[in-house]
Every structure is written in structure tokens, then in C-alpha cells.
PDB file of N, CA and C in Angstrom:
ATOM      1  N   MET A   1     119.013 113.527  95.424  1.00  0.00           N
ATOM      2  CA  MET A   1     118.235 114.068  96.504  1.00  0.00           C
ATOM      3  C   MET A   1     116.904 114.562  95.946  1.00  0.00           C
ATOM      4  N   ALA A   2     115.849 114.339  96.693  1.00  0.00           N
ATOM      5  CA  ALA A   2     114.523 114.735  96.247  1.00  0.00           C
ATOM      6  C   ALA A   2     114.357 116.247  96.319  1.00  0.00           C
ATOM      7  N   LYS A   3     113.679 116.770  95.323  1.00  0.00           N
ATOM      8  CA  LYS A   3     113.404 118.201  95.293  1.00  0.00           C
ATOM      9  C   LYS A   3     111.973 118.433  95.737  1.00  0.00           C
ATOM     10  N   LYS A   4     111.708 119.623  96.218  1.00  0.00           N
ATOM     11  CA  LYS A   4     110.378 119.954  96.705  1.00  0.00           C
ATOM     12  C   LYS A   4     109.352 119.791  95.585  1.00  0.00           C
ATOM     13  N   GLY A   5     108.294 119.047  95.872  1.00  0.00           N
ATOM     14  CA  GLY A   5     107.237 118.838  94.899  1.00  0.00           C
ATOM     15  C   GLY A   5     107.531 117.767  93.862  1.00  0.00           C
ATOM     16  N   GLN A   6     108.652 117.074  94.007  1.00  0.00           N
ATOM     17  CA  GLN A   6     109.035 116.048  93.035  1.00  0.00           C
ATOM     18  C   GLN A   6     108.114 114.832  93.156  1.00  0.00           C
ATOM     19  N   LYS A   7     107.711 114.298  92.036  1.00  0.00           N
ATOM     20  CA  LYS A   7     106.879 113.105  92.003  1.00  0.00           C
ATOM     21  C   LYS A   7     107.771 111.886  91.838  1.00  0.00           C
ATOM     22  N   PHE A   8     107.490 110.841  92.588  1.00  0.00           N
ATOM     23  CA  PHE A   8     108.259 109.615  92.505  1.00  0.00           C
ATOM     24  C   PHE A   8     107.468 108.573  91.734  1.00  0.00           C
ATOM     25  N   LYS A   9     108.185 107.762  90.953  1.00  0.00           N
ATOM     26  CA  LYS A   9     107.540 106.687  90.217  1.00  0.00           C
ATOM     27  C   LYS A   9     107.186 105.566  91.177  1.00  0.00           C
ATOM     28  N   LYS A  10     106.039 104.956  90.942  1.00  0.00           N
ATOM     29  CA  LYS A  10     105.636 103.797  91.731  1.00  0.00           C
ATOM     30  C   LYS A  10     105.625 102.604  90.798  1.00  0.00           C
ATOM     31  N   TYR A  11     106.239 101.531  91.234  1.00  0.00           N
ATOM     32  CA  TYR A  11     106.332 100.326  90.428  1.00  0.00           C
ATOM     33  C   TYR A  11     105.456  99.245  91.049  1.00  0.00           C
ATOM     34  N   SER A  12     104.768  98.504  90.199  1.00  0.00           N
ATOM     35  CA  SER A  12     103.864  97.471  90.687  1.00  0.00           C
ATOM     36  C   SER A  12     104.643  96.262  91.195  1.00  0.00           C
ATOM     37  N   SER A  13     103.975  95.489  92.022  1.00  0.00           N
ATOM     38  CA  SER A  13     104.577  94.252  92.528  1.00  0.00           C
ATOM     39  C   SER A  13     104.831  93.280  91.388  1.00  0.00           C
ATOM     40  N   LYS A  14     103.955  93.287  90.389  1.00  0.00           N
ATOM     41  CA  LYS A  14     104.122  92.374  89.250  1.00  0.00           C
ATOM     42  C   LYS A  14     105.403  92.681  88.486  1.00  0.00           C
ATOM     43  N   LEU A  15     105.711  93.957  88.326  1.00  0.00           N
ATOM     44  CA  LEU A  15     106.940  94.339  87.636  1.00  0.00           C
ATOM     45  C   LEU A  15     108.159  93.879  88.435  1.00  0.00           C
ATOM     46  N   LYS A  16     108.111  94.079  89.740  1.00  0.00           N
ATOM     47  CA  LYS A  16     109.221  93.655  90.592  1.00  0.00           C
ATOM     48  C   LYS A  16     109.393  92.138  90.552  1.00  0.00           C
ATOM     49  N   GLU A  17     108.282  91.413  90.571  1.00  0.00           N
ATOM     50  CA  GLU A  17     108.345  89.953  90.492  1.00  0.00           C
ATOM     51  C   GLU A  17     108.893  89.504  89.143  1.00  0.00           C
ATOM     52  N   GLU A  18     108.560  90.234  88.094  1.00  0.00           N
ATOM     53  CA  GLU A  18     109.089  89.918  86.763  1.00  0.00           C
ATOM     54  C   GLU A  18     110.600  90.119  86.725  1.00  0.00           C
ATOM     55  N   VAL A  19     111.088  91.166  87.369  1.00  0.00           N
ATOM     56  CA  VAL A  19     112.530  91.401  87.450  1.00  0.00           C
ATOM     57  C   VAL A  19     113.206  90.226  88.148  1.00  0.00           C
ATOM     58  N   ILE A  20     112.649  89.789  89.261  1.00  0.00           N
ATOM     59  CA  ILE A  20     113.216  88.663  90.016  1.00  0.00           C
ATOM     60  C   ILE A  20     113.196  87.400  89.169  1.00  0.00           C
ATOM     61  N   ARG A  21     112.084  87.162  88.458  1.00  0.00           N
ATOM     62  CA  ARG A  21     111.971  85.969  87.612  1.00  0.00           C
ATOM     63  C   ARG A  21     113.014  85.992  86.500  1.00  0.00           C
ATOM     64  N   LEU A  22     113.149  87.130  85.832  1.00  0.00           N
ATOM     65  CA  LEU A  22     114.120  87.229  84.743  1.00  0.00           C
ATOM     66  C   LEU A  22     115.547  87.025  85.249  1.00  0.00           C
ATOM     67  N   TYR A  23     115.818  87.509  86.441  1.00  0.00           N
ATOM     68  CA  TYR A  23     117.180  87.407  86.977  1.00  0.00           C
ATOM     69  C   TYR A  23     117.507  85.977  87.413  1.00  0.00           C
ATOM     70  N   PHE A  24     116.593  85.333  88.133  1.00  0.00           N
ATOM     71  CA  PHE A  24     116.898  84.016  88.688  1.00  0.00           C
ATOM     72  C   PHE A  24     116.554  82.862  87.748  1.00  0.00           C
ATOM     73  N   GLU A  25     115.418  82.937  87.068  1.00  0.00           N
ATOM     74  CA  GLU A  25     115.015  81.828  86.199  1.00  0.00           C
ATOM     75  C   GLU A  25     115.651  81.926  84.816  1.00  0.00           C
ATOM     76  N   GLU A  26     115.606  83.108  84.223  1.00  0.00           N
ATOM     77  CA  GLU A  26     116.165  83.287  82.883  1.00  0.00           C
ATOM     78  C   GLU A  26     117.657  83.610  82.930  1.00  0.00           C
ATOM     79  N   GLN A  27     118.157  83.970  84.098  1.00  0.00           N
ATOM     80  CA  GLN A  27     119.561  84.293  84.339  1.00  0.00           C
ATOM     81  C   GLN A  27     120.071  85.410  83.418  1.00  0.00           C
ATOM     82  N   LEU A  28     119.232  86.425  83.267  1.00  0.00           N
ATOM     83  CA  LEU A  28     119.623  87.589  82.479  1.00  0.00           C
ATOM     84  C   LEU A  28     120.407  88.554  83.364  1.00  0.00           C
ATOM     85  N   PRO A  29     121.373  89.266  82.792  1.00  0.00           N
ATOM     86  CA  PRO A  29     122.107  90.265  83.576  1.00  0.00           C
ATOM     87  C   PRO A  29     121.211  91.445  83.957  1.00  0.00           C
ATOM     88  N   LYS A  30     121.568  92.121  85.016  1.00  0.00           N
ATOM     89  CA  LYS A  30     120.775  93.254  85.510  1.00  0.00           C
ATOM     90  C   LYS A  30     120.636  94.343  84.457  1.00  0.00           C
ATOM     91  N   ARG A  31     121.704  94.602  83.733  1.00  0.00           N
ATOM     92  CA  ARG A  31     121.678  95.645  82.702  1.00  0.00           C
ATOM     93  C   ARG A  31     120.663  95.299  81.608  1.00  0.00           C
ATOM     94  N   THR A  32     120.617  94.034  81.208  1.00  0.00           N
ATOM     95  CA  THR A  32     119.672  93.600  80.176  1.00  0.00           C
ATOM     96  C   THR A  32     118.241  93.716  80.667  1.00  0.00           C
ATOM     97  N   ILE A  33     117.999  93.300  81.911  1.00  0.00           N
ATOM     98  CA  ILE A  33     116.654  93.395  82.486  1.00  0.00           C
ATOM     99  C   ILE A  33     116.207  94.852  82.520  1.00  0.00           C
ATOM    100  N   ALA A  34     117.098  95.734  82.936  1.00  0.00           N
ATOM    101  CA  ALA A  34     116.761  97.156  83.021  1.00  0.00           C
ATOM    102  C   ALA A  34     116.400  97.721  81.654  1.00  0.00           C
ATOM    103  N   SER A  35     117.164  97.368  80.638  1.00  0.00           N
ATOM    104  CA  SER A  35     116.872  97.903  79.304  1.00  0.00           C
ATOM    105  C   SER A  35     115.605  97.283  78.715  1.00  0.00           C
ATOM    106  N   LEU A  36     115.356  96.002  78.980  1.00  0.00           N
ATOM    107  CA  LEU A  36     114.135  95.353  78.484  1.00  0.00           C
ATOM    108  C   LEU A  36     112.875  95.992  79.067  1.00  0.00           C
ATOM    109  N   LEU A  37     112.923  96.289  80.363  1.00  0.00           N
ATOM    110  CA  LEU A  37     111.736  96.796  81.042  1.00  0.00           C
ATOM    111  C   LEU A  37     111.696  98.318  81.133  1.00  0.00           C
ATOM    112  N   GLY A  38     112.761  98.976  80.682  1.00  0.00           N
ATOM    113  CA  GLY A  38     112.784 100.432  80.671  1.00  0.00           C
ATOM    114  C   GLY A  38     112.871 101.061  82.051  1.00  0.00           C
ATOM    115  N   ILE A  39     113.619 100.431  82.946  1.00  0.00           N
ATOM    116  CA  ILE A  39     113.802 100.979  84.287  1.00  0.00           C
ATOM    117  C   ILE A  39     115.288 101.118  84.576  1.00  0.00           C
ATOM    118  N   ASP A  40     115.607 101.876  85.609  1.00  0.00           N
ATOM    119  CA  ASP A  40     116.994 102.145  85.965  1.00  0.00           C
ATOM    120  C   ASP A  40     117.681 100.882  86.476  1.00  0.00           C
ATOM    121  N   GLN A  41     118.937 100.708  86.096  1.00  0.00           N
ATOM    122  CA  GLN A  41     119.712  99.529  86.498  1.00  0.00           C
ATOM    123  C   GLN A  41     119.879  99.473  88.021  1.00  0.00           C
ATOM    124  N   ASN A  42     120.017 100.616  88.661  1.00  0.00           N
ATOM    125  CA  ASN A  42     120.146 100.641  90.119  1.00  0.00           C
ATOM    126  C   ASN A  42     118.867 100.180  90.807  1.00  0.00           C
ATOM    127  N   ARG A  43     117.719 100.483  90.200  1.00  0.00           N
ATOM    128  CA  ARG A  43     116.440 100.037  90.753  1.00  0.00           C
ATOM    129  C   ARG A  43     116.354  98.518  90.685  1.00  0.00           C
ATOM    130  N   VAL A  44     116.804  97.925  89.575  1.00  0.00           N
ATOM    131  CA  VAL A  44     116.827  96.463  89.420  1.00  0.00           C
ATOM    132  C   VAL A  44     117.731  95.850  90.483  1.00  0.00           C
ATOM    133  N   ARG A  45     118.902  96.435  90.663  1.00  0.00           N
ATOM    134  CA  ARG A  45     119.853  95.940  91.664  1.00  0.00           C
ATOM    135  C   ARG A  45     119.249  96.000  93.069  1.00  0.00           C
ATOM    136  N   LEU A  46     118.559  97.090  93.377  1.00  0.00           N
ATOM    137  CA  LEU A  46     117.936  97.259  94.685  1.00  0.00           C
ATOM    138  C   LEU A  46     116.877  96.185  94.933  1.00  0.00           C
ATOM    139  N   TRP A  47     116.020  95.922  93.952  1.00  0.00           N
ATOM    140  CA  TRP A  47     114.973  94.914  94.113  1.00  0.00           C
ATOM    141  C   TRP A  47     115.561  93.522  94.292  1.00  0.00           C
ATOM    142  N   ILE A  48     116.605  93.211  93.542  1.00  0.00           N
ATOM    143  CA  ILE A  48     117.244  91.894  93.662  1.00  0.00           C
ATOM    144  C   ILE A  48     117.892  91.756  95.036  1.00  0.00           C
ATOM    145  N   ASN A  49     118.567  92.797  95.503  1.00  0.00           N
ATOM    146  CA  ASN A  49     119.179  92.749  96.834  1.00  0.00           C
ATOM    147  C   ASN A  49     118.128  92.620  97.931  1.00  0.00           C
ATOM    148  N   ASN A  50     117.000  93.323  97.798  1.00  0.00           N
ATOM    149  CA  ASN A  50     115.913  93.187  98.772  1.00  0.00           C
ATOM    150  C   ASN A  50     115.379  91.767  98.786  1.00  0.00           C
ATOM    151  N   TYR A  51     115.264  91.175  97.610  1.00  0.00           N
ATOM    152  CA  TYR A  51     114.774  89.802  97.529  1.00  0.00           C
ATOM    153  C   TYR A  51     115.751  88.836  98.198  1.00  0.00           C
ATOM    154  N   LEU A  52     117.034  89.051  97.984  1.00  0.00           N
ATOM    155  CA  LEU A  52     118.037  88.164  98.575  1.00  0.00           C
ATOM    156  C   LEU A  52     118.106  88.305 100.093  1.00  0.00           C
ATOM    157  N   THR A  53     117.965  89.506 100.609  1.00  0.00           N
ATOM    158  CA  THR A  53     118.095  89.702 102.051  1.00  0.00           C
ATOM    159  C   THR A  53     116.804  89.449 102.814  1.00  0.00           C
ATOM    160  N   HIS A  54     115.655  89.796 102.229  1.00  0.00           N
ATOM    161  CA  HIS A  54     114.387  89.699 102.946  1.00  0.00           C
ATOM    162  C   HIS A  54     113.467  88.606 102.413  1.00  0.00           C
ATOM    163  N   GLY A  55     113.789  88.041 101.271  1.00  0.00           N
ATOM    164  CA  GLY A  55     112.955  86.982 100.711  1.00  0.00           C
ATOM    165  C   GLY A  55     111.687  87.478 100.050  1.00  0.00           C
ATOM    166  N   THR A  56     111.578  88.766  99.849  1.00  0.00           N
ATOM    167  CA  THR A  56     110.398  89.332  99.215  1.00  0.00           C
ATOM    168  C   THR A  56     110.805  90.583  98.441  1.00  0.00           C
ATOM    169  N   VAL A  57     110.005  90.928  97.449  1.00  0.00           N
ATOM    170  CA  VAL A  57     110.311  92.132  96.679  1.00  0.00           C
ATOM    171  C   VAL A  57     109.666  93.359  97.306  1.00  0.00           C
ATOM    172  N   GLU A  58     108.618  93.166  98.080  1.00  0.00           N
ATOM    173  CA  GLU A  58     107.911  94.271  98.719  1.00  0.00           C
ATOM    174  C   GLU A  58     108.315  94.362 100.178  1.00  0.00           C
ATOM    175  N   LEU A  59     108.846  95.493 100.564  1.00  0.00           N
ATOM    176  CA  LEU A  59     109.154  95.729 101.967  1.00  0.00           C
ATOM    177  C   LEU A  59     108.003  96.509 102.578  1.00  0.00           C
ATOM    178  N   LYS A  60     107.661  96.164 103.803  1.00  0.00           N
ATOM    179  CA  LYS A  60     106.592  96.885 104.479  1.00  0.00           C
ATOM    180  C   LYS A  60     107.117  98.238 104.923  1.00  0.00           C
ATOM    181  N   ARG A  61     106.299  99.244 104.710  1.00  0.00           N
ATOM    182  CA  ARG A  61     106.695 100.599 105.054  1.00  0.00           C
ATOM    183  C   ARG A  61     106.211 100.942 106.457  1.00  0.00           C
ATOM    184  N   GLY A  62     106.898 101.862 107.073  1.00  0.00           N
ATOM    185  CA  GLY A  62     106.466 102.375 108.360  1.00  0.00           C
ATOM    186  C   GLY A  62     106.930 101.541 109.538  1.00  0.00           C
ATOM    187  N   ARG A  63     106.454 101.937 110.681  1.00  0.00           N
ATOM    188  CA  ARG A  63     106.816 101.291 111.923  1.00  0.00           C
ATOM    189  C   ARG A  63     106.047  99.982 112.076  1.00  0.00           C
ATOM    190  N   PRO A  64     106.667  98.950 112.632  1.00  0.00           N
ATOM    191  CA  PRO A  64     105.926  97.705 112.837  1.00  0.00           C
ATOM    192  C   PRO A  64     104.809  97.910 113.856  1.00  0.00           C
ATOM    193  N   LYS A  65     103.734  97.157 113.711  1.00  0.00           N
ATOM    194  CA  LYS A  65     102.596  97.277 114.610  1.00  0.00           C
ATOM    195  C   LYS A  65     102.983  96.792 115.999  1.00  0.00           C
ATOM    196  N   LYS A  66     102.340  97.387 116.997  1.00  0.00           N
ATOM    197  CA  LYS A  66     102.590  96.966 118.372  1.00  0.00           C
ATOM    198  C   LYS A  66     102.015  95.573 118.560  1.00  0.00           C
ATOM    199  N   GLU A  67     102.697  94.798 119.383  1.00  0.00           N
ATOM    200  CA  GLU A  67     102.218  93.449 119.619  1.00  0.00           C
ATOM    201  C   GLU A  67     100.918  93.500 120.410  1.00  0.00           C
ATOM    202  N   THR A  68     100.089  92.489 120.233  1.00  0.00           N
ATOM    203  CA  THR A  68      98.826  92.438 120.953  1.00  0.00           C
ATOM    204  C   THR A  68      99.103  92.146 122.419  1.00  0.00           C
ATOM    205  N   LEU A  69      98.099  92.362 123.241  1.00  0.00           N
ATOM    206  CA  LEU A  69      98.264  92.111 124.673  1.00  0.00           C
ATOM    207  C   LEU A  69      98.607  90.652 124.948  1.00  0.00           C
ATOM    208  N   GLU A  70      97.980  89.743 124.199  1.00  0.00           N
ATOM    209  CA  GLU A  70      98.254  88.319 124.393  1.00  0.00           C
ATOM    210  C   GLU A  70      99.701  87.987 124.046  1.00  0.00           C
ATOM    211  N   GLU A  71     100.183  88.547 122.948  1.00  0.00           N
ATOM    212  CA  GLU A  71     101.569  88.294 122.549  1.00  0.00           C
ATOM    213  C   GLU A  71     102.540  88.881 123.567  1.00  0.00           C
ATOM    214  N   GLU A  72     102.203  90.069 124.075  1.00  0.00           N
ATOM    215  CA  GLU A  72     103.064  90.693 125.073  1.00  0.00           C
ATOM    216  C   GLU A  72     103.094  89.868 126.355  1.00  0.00           C
ATOM    217  N   MET A  73     101.918  89.379 126.794  1.00  0.00           N
ATOM    218  CA  MET A  73     101.857  88.544 128.003  1.00  0.00           C
ATOM    219  C   MET A  73     102.682  87.273 127.825  1.00  0.00           C
ATOM    220  N   GLU A  74     102.561  86.639 126.667  1.00  0.00           N
ATOM    221  CA  GLU A  74     103.315  85.415 126.398  1.00  0.00           C
ATOM    222  C   GLU A  74     104.820  85.692 126.419  1.00  0.00           C
ATOM    223  N   ARG A  75     105.223  86.795 125.813  1.00  0.00           N
ATOM    224  CA  ARG A  75     106.633  87.159 125.793  1.00  0.00           C
ATOM    225  C   ARG A  75     107.146  87.436 127.201  1.00  0.00           C
ATOM    226  N   LEU A  76     106.348  88.162 128.000  1.00  0.00           N
ATOM    227  CA  LEU A  76     106.762  88.482 129.364  1.00  0.00           C
ATOM    228  C   LEU A  76     106.820  87.238 130.247  1.00  0.00           C
ATOM    229  N   ARG A  77     105.879  86.322 130.057  1.00  0.00           N
ATOM    230  CA  ARG A  77     105.914  85.067 130.827  1.00  0.00           C
ATOM    231  C   ARG A  77     107.172  84.271 130.501  1.00  0.00           C
ATOM    232  N   ALA A  78     107.512  84.207 129.224  1.00  0.00           N
ATOM    233  CA  ALA A  78     108.722  83.487 128.823  1.00  0.00           C
ATOM    234  C   ALA A  78     109.960  84.173 129.390  1.00  0.00           C
ATOM    235  N   GLU A  79     109.958  85.487 129.386  1.00  0.00           N
ATOM    236  CA  GLU A  79     111.093  86.233 129.931  1.00  0.00           C
ATOM    237  C   GLU A  79     111.219  86.001 131.438  1.00  0.00           C
ATOM    238  N   ASN A  80     110.086  86.006 132.148  1.00  0.00           N
ATOM    239  CA  ASN A  80     110.104  85.744 133.593  1.00  0.00           C
ATOM    240  C   ASN A  80     110.588  84.333 133.894  1.00  0.00           C
ATOM    241  N   ALA A  81     110.126  83.367 133.113  1.00  0.00           N
ATOM    242  CA  ALA A  81     110.560  81.983 133.320  1.00  0.00           C
ATOM    243  C   ALA A  81     112.064  81.864 133.107  1.00  0.00           C
ATOM    244  N   TYR A  82     112.575  82.560 132.130  1.00  0.00           N
ATOM    245  CA  TYR A  82     114.014  82.534 131.859  1.00  0.00           C
ATOM    246  C   TYR A  82     114.792  83.167 133.013  1.00  0.00           C
ATOM    247  N   LEU A  83     114.270  84.269 133.546  1.00  0.00           N
ATOM    248  CA  LEU A  83     114.965  84.973 134.623  1.00  0.00           C
ATOM    249  C   LEU A  83     114.943  84.192 135.938  1.00  0.00           C
ATOM    250  N   LYS A  84     113.942  83.341 136.128  1.00  0.00           N
ATOM    251  CA  LYS A  84     113.857  82.533 137.347  1.00  0.00           C
ATOM    252  C   LYS A  84     114.914  81.443 137.374  1.00  0.00           C
ATOM    253  N   LEU A  85     115.427  81.069 136.217  1.00  0.00           N
ATOM    254  CA  LEU A  85     116.445  80.014 136.158  1.00  0.00           C
ATOM    255  C   LEU A  85     117.712  80.441 136.736  1.00  0.00           C
TER     256      LEU A  85
END
């Protein structure tokens, strides 16, 4: 659990991509990758799982942006057409 005023480490995208490369291309175990790069084994596991589920190492933070008016109109038109059937 985070403590008040605690600083969190930030890892670059290049480091995360290197973890993915070592795991899939070099087929190194997670424990070996963690010790080679000096990071926690759970962090390596988390990045690999994110890559497997989302196809990317970087997850977007925050709430998704609202759709534009054009996208909303298109979605509503499609929904209306479906409901008319």
C-alpha cells in the first residue's frame, strides 16, 4: 500500500519493450529478465500480462475521451436503424 508522500518509480517504454523482447524472442524466464534489468519480478509479470491481454506494454491512463459529435451521430443512426428492424 502506498504511503503518504511516497515516490513511485517510472519505467520507460523502451525498458518495457526490452522486457517483452527478452521474454518472447530470447525466451528468457521472468526471474532472469528481472535480475538482468534490476527490476521486480512482479513488475515483469505485470508488463508481460498487459502485453498479452492488450497487445501493448503501455496502457492509457485516465478516462477515455468522449466521442466526437460525428461519431455519436453515426452510432445513434446505426442504433436507430437496428431498432427499426
